[in-house]
C-alpha atoms as a PDB file:
ATOM      1  CA  MET A   1     -13.788  -5.378  21.387  1.00  0.00           C
ATOM      2  CA  ASN A   2     -13.363  -6.741  24.880  1.00  0.00           C
ATOM      3  CA  THR A   3     -15.920  -8.177  27.238  1.00  0.00           C
ATOM      4  CA  PRO A   4     -16.579  -6.592  30.654  1.00  0.00           C
ATOM      5  CA  ASN A   5     -14.951  -9.547  32.443  1.00  0.00           C
ATOM      6  CA  GLN A   6     -11.745  -9.418  30.417  1.00  0.00           C
ATOM      7  CA  PRO A   7      -8.713  -9.333  32.742  1.00  0.00           C
ATOM      8  CA  ARG A   8      -6.782  -6.071  32.734  1.00  0.00           C
ATOM      9  CA  ARG A   9      -3.162  -5.306  33.392  1.00  0.00           C
ATOM     10  CA  ILE A  10      -1.892  -1.968  34.627  1.00  0.00           C
ATOM     11  CA  LEU A  11       0.316  -0.302  32.032  1.00  0.00           C
ATOM     12  CA  GLY A  12       1.178   2.709  34.109  1.00  0.00           C
ATOM     13  CA  GLU A  13       0.080   5.687  36.122  1.00  0.00           C
ATOM     14  CA  VAL A  14       0.554   9.383  35.448  1.00  0.00           C
ATOM     15  CA  THR A  15       0.432  12.144  38.056  1.00  0.00           C
ATOM     16  CA  LEU A  16      -1.597  15.082  36.790  1.00  0.00           C
ATOM     17  CA  THR A  17      -0.208  18.607  36.699  1.00  0.00           C
ATOM     18  CA  ALA A  18      -2.012  21.932  36.370  1.00  0.00           C
ATOM     19  CA  GLY A  19      -0.769  21.978  32.761  1.00  0.00           C
ATOM     20  CA  ASN A  20      -2.447  18.642  32.040  1.00  0.00           C
ATOM     21  CA  LEU A  21      -5.736  20.020  33.325  1.00  0.00           C
ATOM     22  CA  ARG A  22      -5.388  23.362  31.517  1.00  0.00           C
ATOM     23  CA  ASN A  23      -4.502  21.742  28.174  1.00  0.00           C
ATOM     24  CA  SER A  24      -6.715  18.638  28.440  1.00  0.00           C
ATOM     25  CA  HIS A  25      -4.005  16.102  27.855  1.00  0.00           C
ATOM     26  CA  ILE A  26      -2.570  13.128  29.681  1.00  0.00           C
ATOM     27  CA  TYR A  27       0.924  11.937  28.831  1.00  0.00           C
ATOM     28  CA  VAL A  28       1.733   8.277  28.212  1.00  0.00           C
ATOM     29  CA  THR A  29       5.490   8.818  28.604  1.00  0.00           C
ATOM     30  CA  PRO A  30       6.074   6.427  31.548  1.00  0.00           C
ATOM     31  CA  PHE A  31       4.699   3.441  29.646  1.00  0.00           C
ATOM     32  CA  LYS A  32       5.019   4.476  25.995  1.00  0.00           C
ATOM     33  CA  HIS A  33       7.427   1.592  25.428  1.00  0.00           C
ATOM     34  CA  LEU A  34       4.662  -0.892  26.405  1.00  0.00           C
ATOM     35  CA  LEU A  35       2.243   0.330  23.716  1.00  0.00           C
ATOM     36  CA  PRO A  36       2.036  -1.355  20.304  1.00  0.00           C
ATOM     37  CA  THR A  37       3.997   0.525  17.656  1.00  0.00           C
ATOM     38  CA  ASP A  38       1.107   0.509  15.172  1.00  0.00           C
ATOM     39  CA  ILE A  39      -0.873   3.066  17.245  1.00  0.00           C
ATOM     40  CA  PHE A  40       1.835   5.688  16.617  1.00  0.00           C
ATOM     41  CA  GLY A  41       1.197   7.920  13.628  1.00  0.00           C
ATOM     42  CA  GLY A  42       2.788  10.921  12.000  1.00  0.00           C
ATOM     43  CA  SER A  43       3.088  14.346  13.539  1.00  0.00           C
ATOM     44  CA  ASN A  44      -0.208  15.636  12.090  1.00  0.00           C
ATOM     45  CA  LYS A  45      -3.719  14.273  11.601  1.00  0.00           C
ATOM     46  CA  ASP A  46      -3.060  13.722   7.883  1.00  0.00           C
ATOM     47  CA  GLU A  47      -0.623  10.959   8.869  1.00  0.00           C
ATOM     48  CA  PRO A  48      -2.674   8.691  11.179  1.00  0.00           C
ATOM     49  CA  ALA A  49      -1.385   5.453  12.639  1.00  0.00           C
ATOM     50  CA  SER A  50      -2.190   2.194  10.886  1.00  0.00           C
ATOM     51  CA  ARG A  51      -4.305   1.158  13.880  1.00  0.00           C
ATOM     52  CA  MET A  52      -6.277   3.137  16.444  1.00  0.00           C
ATOM     53  CA  ALA A  53      -6.338   2.573  20.196  1.00  0.00           C
ATOM     54  CA  VAL A  54      -9.769   2.113  21.799  1.00  0.00           C
ATOM     55  CA  ILE A  55     -10.041   4.178  24.982  1.00  0.00           C
ATOM     56  CA  HIS A  56     -12.643   3.405  27.652  1.00  0.00           C
ATOM     57  CA  TYR A  57     -12.799   6.365  30.021  1.00  0.00           C
ATOM     58  CA  GLY A  58     -16.161   6.037  31.741  1.00  0.00           C
ATOM     59  CA  ALA A  59     -18.361   7.392  28.964  1.00  0.00           C
ATOM     60  CA  VAL A  60     -21.045   5.238  27.357  1.00  0.00           C
ATOM     61  CA  THR A  61     -19.077   4.991  24.122  1.00  0.00           C
ATOM     62  CA  PRO A  62     -15.296   4.548  24.001  1.00  0.00           C
ATOM     63  CA  VAL A  63     -13.230   6.710  21.648  1.00  0.00           C
ATOM     64  CA  GLU A  64     -10.519   5.849  19.182  1.00  0.00           C
ATOM     65  CA  SER A  65      -7.239   7.670  18.848  1.00  0.00           C
ATOM     66  CA  ASP A  66      -3.662   7.255  17.808  1.00  0.00           C
ATOM     67  CA  ILE A  67      -0.533   8.865  19.258  1.00  0.00           C
ATOM     68  CA  PRO A  68       1.606  11.239  17.161  1.00  0.00           C
ATOM     69  CA  ASN A  69       5.121   9.827  17.028  1.00  0.00           C
ATOM     70  CA  ASP A  70       6.574  13.196  18.068  1.00  0.00           C
ATOM     71  CA  LYS A  71       4.387  13.510  21.179  1.00  0.00           C
ATOM     72  CA  ASN A  72       3.611  11.379  24.198  1.00  0.00           C
ATOM     73  CA  LEU A  73      -0.155  11.873  24.306  1.00  0.00           C
ATOM     74  CA  PHE A  74      -3.236  10.727  22.402  1.00  0.00           C
ATOM     75  CA  ARG A  75      -4.061  12.833  19.349  1.00  0.00           C
ATOM     76  CA  ASN A  76      -7.795  12.912  20.143  1.00  0.00           C
ATOM     77  CA  ARG A  77      -7.986  14.909  23.376  1.00  0.00           C
ATOM     78  CA  SER A  78     -11.780  15.336  23.557  1.00  0.00           C
ATOM     79  CA  TRP A  79     -12.045  12.270  25.801  1.00  0.00           C
ATOM     80  CA  ALA A  80      -9.337  13.609  28.130  1.00  0.00           C
ATOM     81  CA  ARG A  81     -11.159  16.938  28.486  1.00  0.00           C
ATOM     82  CA  GLU A  82     -14.413  15.135  29.319  1.00  0.00           C
ATOM     83  CA  PHE A  83     -12.722  12.618  31.644  1.00  0.00           C
ATOM     84  CA  LEU A  84     -10.839  15.284  33.596  1.00  0.00           C
ATOM     85  CA  ALA A  85     -13.964  17.444  33.982  1.00  0.00           C
ATOM     86  CA  ARG A  86     -16.313  14.574  34.870  1.00  0.00           C
ATOM     87  CA  THR A  87     -13.986  13.153  37.509  1.00  0.00           C
ATOM     88  CA  GLY A  88     -13.143  16.552  39.008  1.00  0.00           C
ATOM     89  CA  ALA A  89      -9.451  15.775  38.570  1.00  0.00           C
ATOM     90  CA  ARG A  90      -6.974  17.978  40.436  1.00  0.00           C
ATOM     91  CA  PRO A  91      -3.213  18.436  40.214  1.00  0.00           C
ATOM     92  CA  GLY A  92      -1.563  15.541  42.019  1.00  0.00           C
ATOM     93  CA  ASP A  93      -4.314  13.050  41.201  1.00  0.00           C
ATOM     94  CA  ILE A  94      -3.217   9.950  39.327  1.00  0.00           C
ATOM     95  CA  VAL A  95      -4.551   8.636  36.036  1.00  0.00           C
ATOM     96  CA  ARG A  96      -4.266   4.856  35.763  1.00  0.00           C
ATOM     97  CA  PHE A  97      -3.995   3.205  32.344  1.00  0.00           C
ATOM     98  CA  GLU A  98      -4.942  -0.457  32.065  1.00  0.00           C
ATOM     99  CA  ALA A  99      -4.954  -2.721  29.007  1.00  0.00           C
ATOM    100  CA  SER A 100      -7.494  -5.469  28.410  1.00  0.00           C
ATOM    101  CA  GLU A 101      -6.334  -6.221  24.872  1.00  0.00           C
ATOM    102  CA  PRO A 102      -3.340  -4.997  22.862  1.00  0.00           C
ATOM    103  CA  HIS A 103      -5.226  -1.974  21.480  1.00  0.00           C
ATOM    104  CA  THR A 104      -7.881  -1.493  24.194  1.00  0.00           C
ATOM    105  CA  TYR A 105      -7.241   0.726  27.206  1.00  0.00           C
ATOM    106  CA  HIS A 106      -9.205   1.644  30.332  1.00  0.00           C
ATOM    107  CA  ILE A 107      -8.586   4.943  32.076  1.00  0.00           C
ATOM    108  CA  SER A 108      -9.457   5.664  35.717  1.00  0.00           C
ATOM    109  CA  LEU A 109      -8.675   8.350  38.281  1.00  0.00           C
ATOM    110  CA  VAL A 110      -6.997   7.668  41.608  1.00  0.00           C
ATOM    111  CA  ARG A 111      -7.262  10.540  44.102  1.00  0.00           C
ATOM    112  CA  SER A 112      -4.037  11.748  45.634  1.00  0.00           C
END
């Protein structure tokens, strides 16, 4: 796992819609091609990826998730629900995804 001082690079930003907020998901479509292929799994939870992504989203403990290969969002959406609620996210706000290691991501909210 990374150290707090590990440099980060911005992978991409996603503008939130009312649908994102209603369904507790955040798409990775704009930067999907920058993610390692081993975090993509099958279309259901019985076919997980060979490696999980570690997602730091402001909670004490990060979560792990993969991405179904037929969708453009993380399979585990509990973190997204908590992140969106805790930050008071609104349609038009931007979610920034940064990488500190190949499988470690940091999520933050940028107000519109």
